[in-house]
N, C-alpha and C. Protein backbone atom coordinates (compact mmCIF):
# COMPACT_ATOMS: atom_id res chain seq x y z
N UNK A 1 85.10 138.22 145.49
CA UNK A 1 86.23 137.30 145.51
C UNK A 1 87.03 137.45 146.81
N UNK A 2 87.33 138.68 147.24
CA UNK A 2 88.11 138.90 148.46
C UNK A 2 87.40 138.32 149.68
N UNK A 3 86.10 138.51 149.72
CA UNK A 3 85.30 137.98 150.83
C UNK A 3 85.43 136.45 150.87
N UNK A 4 85.33 135.82 149.73
CA UNK A 4 85.44 134.36 149.65
C UNK A 4 86.81 133.87 150.08
N UNK A 5 87.84 134.57 149.67
CA UNK A 5 89.21 134.19 150.06
C UNK A 5 89.32 134.15 151.58
N UNK A 6 88.85 135.20 152.24
CA UNK A 6 88.94 135.24 153.71
C UNK A 6 88.01 134.23 154.37
N UNK A 7 86.81 134.09 153.86
CA UNK A 7 85.87 133.14 154.46
C UNK A 7 86.38 131.70 154.36
N UNK A 8 87.16 131.41 153.36
CA UNK A 8 87.75 130.07 153.23
C UNK A 8 89.01 129.92 154.06
N UNK A 9 89.81 130.97 154.16
CA UNK A 9 91.11 130.89 154.84
C UNK A 9 91.02 131.00 156.36
N UNK A 10 90.19 131.89 156.86
CA UNK A 10 90.17 132.15 158.30
C UNK A 10 89.83 130.93 159.15
N UNK A 11 88.85 130.11 158.78
CA UNK A 11 88.58 128.92 159.60
C UNK A 11 89.78 127.97 159.69
N UNK A 12 90.58 127.90 158.65
CA UNK A 12 91.76 127.05 158.67
C UNK A 12 92.81 127.57 159.64
N UNK A 13 92.69 128.84 160.00
CA UNK A 13 93.63 129.47 160.93
C UNK A 13 93.13 129.43 162.37
N UNK A 14 91.95 128.87 162.59
CA UNK A 14 91.39 128.85 163.93
C UNK A 14 90.41 129.97 164.18
N UNK A 15 90.02 130.66 163.12
CA UNK A 15 89.08 131.78 163.22
C UNK A 15 87.79 131.40 162.50
N UNK A 16 87.19 130.31 162.91
CA UNK A 16 86.04 129.77 162.22
C UNK A 16 84.70 130.34 162.62
N UNK A 17 84.65 130.97 163.77
CA UNK A 17 83.38 131.59 164.20
C UNK A 17 83.36 133.01 163.68
N UNK A 18 82.61 133.21 162.62
CA UNK A 18 82.61 134.48 161.89
C UNK A 18 81.19 135.02 161.80
N UNK A 19 81.04 136.31 162.11
CA UNK A 19 79.74 136.96 161.92
C UNK A 19 79.51 137.12 160.41
N UNK A 20 78.32 136.82 159.91
CA UNK A 20 78.06 136.95 158.48
C UNK A 20 78.35 138.37 158.00
N UNK A 21 79.15 138.52 156.94
CA UNK A 21 79.53 139.85 156.47
C UNK A 21 78.46 140.58 155.66
N UNK A 22 77.26 140.10 155.62
CA UNK A 22 76.09 140.70 154.96
C UNK A 22 76.30 142.08 154.31
N UNK A 23 76.92 142.12 153.17
CA UNK A 23 77.06 143.34 152.40
C UNK A 23 78.16 144.28 152.85
N UNK A 24 78.79 144.01 153.95
CA UNK A 24 79.88 144.87 154.43
C UNK A 24 81.20 144.46 153.78
N UNK A 25 82.20 145.28 153.96
CA UNK A 25 83.53 145.00 153.41
C UNK A 25 84.51 144.55 154.49
N UNK A 26 83.98 143.89 155.49
CA UNK A 26 84.84 143.39 156.55
C UNK A 26 84.25 142.10 157.12
N UNK A 27 85.11 141.37 157.81
CA UNK A 27 84.70 140.13 158.48
C UNK A 27 85.06 140.26 159.95
N UNK A 28 84.10 139.99 160.80
CA UNK A 28 84.26 140.05 162.25
C UNK A 28 84.41 138.63 162.75
N UNK A 29 85.59 138.28 163.25
CA UNK A 29 85.89 136.89 163.60
C UNK A 29 86.21 136.75 165.09
N UNK A 30 85.75 135.65 165.65
CA UNK A 30 86.01 135.30 167.04
C UNK A 30 87.45 134.80 167.16
N UNK A 31 88.26 135.49 167.93
CA UNK A 31 89.67 135.12 168.13
C UNK A 31 89.92 134.61 169.54
N UNK A 32 88.87 134.16 170.22
CA UNK A 32 89.02 133.75 171.62
C UNK A 32 89.92 132.53 171.79
N UNK A 33 90.15 131.77 170.74
CA UNK A 33 91.10 130.67 170.83
C UNK A 33 92.52 131.19 171.08
N UNK A 34 92.76 132.44 170.70
CA UNK A 34 94.09 133.01 170.79
C UNK A 34 94.27 134.05 171.89
N UNK A 35 93.20 134.73 172.26
CA UNK A 35 93.36 135.84 173.20
C UNK A 35 92.03 136.28 173.80
N UNK A 36 92.11 137.01 174.88
CA UNK A 36 90.96 137.75 175.38
C UNK A 36 91.32 139.23 175.42
N UNK A 37 92.32 139.61 174.62
CA UNK A 37 92.75 141.00 174.48
C UNK A 37 92.96 141.30 173.00
N UNK A 38 91.87 141.67 172.33
CA UNK A 38 91.93 141.87 170.88
C UNK A 38 92.89 142.99 170.48
N UNK A 39 93.05 143.98 171.32
CA UNK A 39 93.98 145.06 171.00
C UNK A 39 95.41 144.53 170.95
N UNK A 40 95.80 143.76 171.95
CA UNK A 40 97.15 143.18 171.97
C UNK A 40 97.36 142.23 170.80
N UNK A 41 96.33 141.46 170.46
CA UNK A 41 96.43 140.53 169.33
C UNK A 41 96.65 141.30 168.03
N UNK A 42 95.88 142.34 167.80
CA UNK A 42 96.02 143.13 166.57
C UNK A 42 97.37 143.84 166.50
N UNK A 43 97.84 144.34 167.63
CA UNK A 43 99.16 144.98 167.66
C UNK A 43 100.26 143.98 167.32
N UNK A 44 100.19 142.79 167.89
CA UNK A 44 101.20 141.76 167.62
C UNK A 44 101.14 141.30 166.18
N UNK A 45 99.94 141.13 165.66
CA UNK A 45 99.77 140.71 164.27
C UNK A 45 100.38 141.74 163.32
N UNK A 46 100.14 143.00 163.57
CA UNK A 46 100.71 144.07 162.75
C UNK A 46 102.23 144.10 162.87
N UNK A 47 102.72 144.02 164.08
CA UNK A 47 104.16 144.04 164.32
C UNK A 47 104.86 142.88 163.62
N UNK A 48 104.30 141.70 163.73
CA UNK A 48 104.98 140.50 163.24
C UNK A 48 104.76 140.20 161.76
N UNK A 49 103.63 140.65 161.21
CA UNK A 49 103.31 140.29 159.82
C UNK A 49 103.13 141.48 158.89
N UNK A 50 102.93 142.67 159.48
CA UNK A 50 102.65 143.84 158.66
C UNK A 50 101.21 143.92 158.18
N UNK A 51 100.35 143.05 158.70
CA UNK A 51 98.94 143.03 158.31
C UNK A 51 98.13 143.73 159.40
N UNK A 52 97.41 144.78 159.01
CA UNK A 52 96.61 145.54 159.96
C UNK A 52 95.20 144.97 160.04
N UNK A 53 94.73 144.80 161.26
CA UNK A 53 93.36 144.39 161.55
C UNK A 53 92.83 145.35 162.61
N UNK A 54 91.55 145.27 162.89
CA UNK A 54 90.97 146.14 163.91
C UNK A 54 90.52 145.30 165.09
N UNK A 55 90.84 145.73 166.31
CA UNK A 55 90.40 144.99 167.49
C UNK A 55 88.90 145.12 167.69
N UNK A 56 88.28 144.03 168.07
CA UNK A 56 86.84 144.04 168.30
C UNK A 56 86.41 145.01 169.38
N UNK A 57 87.30 145.29 170.30
CA UNK A 57 86.99 146.22 171.39
C UNK A 57 86.62 147.60 170.86
N UNK A 58 87.09 147.93 169.64
CA UNK A 58 86.73 149.21 169.02
C UNK A 58 85.25 149.27 168.64
N UNK A 59 84.61 148.12 168.49
CA UNK A 59 83.24 148.05 168.02
C UNK A 59 82.26 147.56 169.08
N UNK A 60 82.78 146.85 170.06
CA UNK A 60 81.95 146.31 171.13
C UNK A 60 82.75 146.32 172.43
N UNK A 61 82.55 147.35 173.27
CA UNK A 61 83.36 147.48 174.48
C UNK A 61 83.12 146.38 175.51
N UNK A 62 82.05 145.62 175.38
CA UNK A 62 81.75 144.56 176.34
C UNK A 62 82.34 143.22 175.90
N UNK A 63 82.02 142.78 174.71
CA UNK A 63 82.45 141.46 174.25
C UNK A 63 83.54 141.49 173.18
N UNK A 64 83.88 142.67 172.71
CA UNK A 64 84.83 142.79 171.60
C UNK A 64 86.25 142.38 171.90
N UNK A 65 86.56 142.16 173.14
CA UNK A 65 87.94 141.78 173.50
C UNK A 65 88.35 140.43 172.91
N UNK A 66 87.38 139.66 172.44
CA UNK A 66 87.67 138.34 171.86
C UNK A 66 87.55 138.31 170.34
N UNK A 67 87.31 139.45 169.73
CA UNK A 67 87.05 139.50 168.28
C UNK A 67 88.03 140.42 167.57
N UNK A 68 88.27 140.11 166.29
CA UNK A 68 89.04 141.01 165.44
C UNK A 68 88.31 141.17 164.11
N UNK A 69 88.57 142.31 163.47
CA UNK A 69 87.89 142.61 162.21
C UNK A 69 88.91 142.68 161.09
N UNK A 70 88.60 142.00 160.01
CA UNK A 70 89.42 141.99 158.81
C UNK A 70 88.67 142.74 157.71
N UNK A 71 89.30 143.73 157.10
CA UNK A 71 88.70 144.42 155.96
C UNK A 71 89.16 143.74 154.68
N UNK A 72 88.24 143.62 153.72
CA UNK A 72 88.63 143.10 152.42
C UNK A 72 88.35 144.12 151.32
N UNK A 73 88.35 145.40 151.70
CA UNK A 73 88.14 146.48 150.74
C UNK A 73 89.47 146.93 150.15
N UNK A 74 90.22 145.96 149.66
CA UNK A 74 91.52 146.20 149.02
C UNK A 74 91.59 145.29 147.79
N UNK A 75 92.69 145.35 147.08
CA UNK A 75 92.84 144.50 145.89
C UNK A 75 92.96 143.03 146.28
N UNK A 76 92.58 142.16 145.37
CA UNK A 76 92.67 140.72 145.61
C UNK A 76 94.11 140.28 145.90
N UNK A 77 95.11 140.79 145.16
CA UNK A 77 96.48 140.39 145.51
C UNK A 77 96.87 140.76 146.94
N UNK A 78 96.37 141.88 147.45
CA UNK A 78 96.67 142.25 148.84
C UNK A 78 96.00 141.30 149.83
N UNK A 79 94.79 140.90 149.55
CA UNK A 79 94.11 139.94 150.43
C UNK A 79 94.86 138.61 150.41
N UNK A 80 95.26 138.17 149.24
CA UNK A 80 96.01 136.91 149.13
C UNK A 80 97.34 136.99 149.88
N UNK A 81 98.02 138.11 149.79
CA UNK A 81 99.29 138.28 150.50
C UNK A 81 99.06 138.31 152.01
N UNK A 82 98.01 138.98 152.44
CA UNK A 82 97.70 139.02 153.87
C UNK A 82 97.45 137.61 154.40
N UNK A 83 96.69 136.81 153.67
CA UNK A 83 96.42 135.43 154.08
C UNK A 83 97.72 134.64 154.14
N UNK A 84 98.58 134.84 153.17
CA UNK A 84 99.87 134.14 153.15
C UNK A 84 100.70 134.49 154.39
N UNK A 85 100.64 135.74 154.83
CA UNK A 85 101.42 136.18 155.99
C UNK A 85 100.82 135.73 157.32
N UNK A 86 99.52 135.87 157.45
CA UNK A 86 98.92 135.60 158.76
C UNK A 86 98.66 134.12 159.01
N UNK A 87 98.56 133.32 157.97
CA UNK A 87 98.32 131.88 158.16
C UNK A 87 99.34 131.23 159.07
N UNK A 88 100.63 131.35 158.76
CA UNK A 88 101.65 130.75 159.63
C UNK A 88 101.68 131.38 161.02
N UNK A 89 101.38 132.66 161.10
CA UNK A 89 101.39 133.36 162.39
C UNK A 89 100.35 132.75 163.32
N UNK A 90 99.13 132.57 162.83
CA UNK A 90 98.10 131.94 163.65
C UNK A 90 98.41 130.48 163.91
N UNK A 91 98.98 129.80 162.94
CA UNK A 91 99.34 128.38 163.13
C UNK A 91 100.34 128.23 164.27
N UNK A 92 101.32 129.11 164.34
CA UNK A 92 102.30 129.06 165.43
C UNK A 92 101.63 129.22 166.78
N UNK A 93 100.64 130.08 166.85
CA UNK A 93 99.95 130.32 168.12
C UNK A 93 99.02 129.17 168.48
N UNK A 94 98.48 128.50 167.50
CA UNK A 94 97.64 127.33 167.79
C UNK A 94 98.49 126.21 168.36
N UNK A 95 99.67 126.04 167.83
CA UNK A 95 100.58 125.01 168.32
C UNK A 95 101.01 125.32 169.75
N UNK A 96 101.33 126.59 170.01
CA UNK A 96 101.80 127.00 171.33
C UNK A 96 100.69 126.91 172.37
N UNK A 97 99.46 127.07 171.94
CA UNK A 97 98.33 127.04 172.87
C UNK A 97 98.08 128.40 173.47
N UNK A 98 96.84 128.65 173.82
CA UNK A 98 96.45 129.94 174.37
C UNK A 98 96.80 130.00 175.85
N UNK A 99 97.33 131.14 176.27
CA UNK A 99 97.57 131.39 177.69
C UNK A 99 96.98 132.74 178.06
N UNK A 100 96.87 132.99 179.32
CA UNK A 100 96.36 134.28 179.77
C UNK A 100 97.40 135.38 179.60
N UNK A 101 98.63 135.01 179.36
CA UNK A 101 99.72 135.98 179.22
C UNK A 101 99.76 136.51 177.79
N UNK A 102 99.21 137.70 177.56
CA UNK A 102 99.20 138.27 176.22
C UNK A 102 100.57 138.77 175.81
N UNK A 103 101.52 138.79 176.71
CA UNK A 103 102.87 139.23 176.35
C UNK A 103 103.50 138.31 175.31
N UNK A 104 103.07 137.06 175.26
CA UNK A 104 103.64 136.14 174.28
C UNK A 104 103.20 136.46 172.86
N UNK A 105 102.16 137.28 172.74
CA UNK A 105 101.71 137.67 171.41
C UNK A 105 102.84 138.41 170.77
C-alpha cells in the first residue's frame, strides 16, 4: 500500500521518472526538474517539511546529483502525512521554475 501511495503521488509532484522499486522499500526518483544538487534538495525538504529523504549522490556519485530516494518502510499514516507535506512544497518549486541557484531551495 505505501509503495502504491508514493507511486501515485510522486508523478503529480513532478517526480514522474522513477526507477522500478522491484521488491525494495524505497523509490528512487529523478528530481532534475528541481535541482542538480540532490543533497541541497533533501536538506531543504527536511528543513521546510520535516520529511527526510536521501540524496541520490549517496548511492551514485556520478549521476545521483539529480535523484532522491524515498523510503516507504514506515506506517501508512506516515507515508500519507509525508505526501501531504511534500506535495505543496514541490508544487511551489514547479511554479517558481528551476534555476541553477540551489540557495532558493
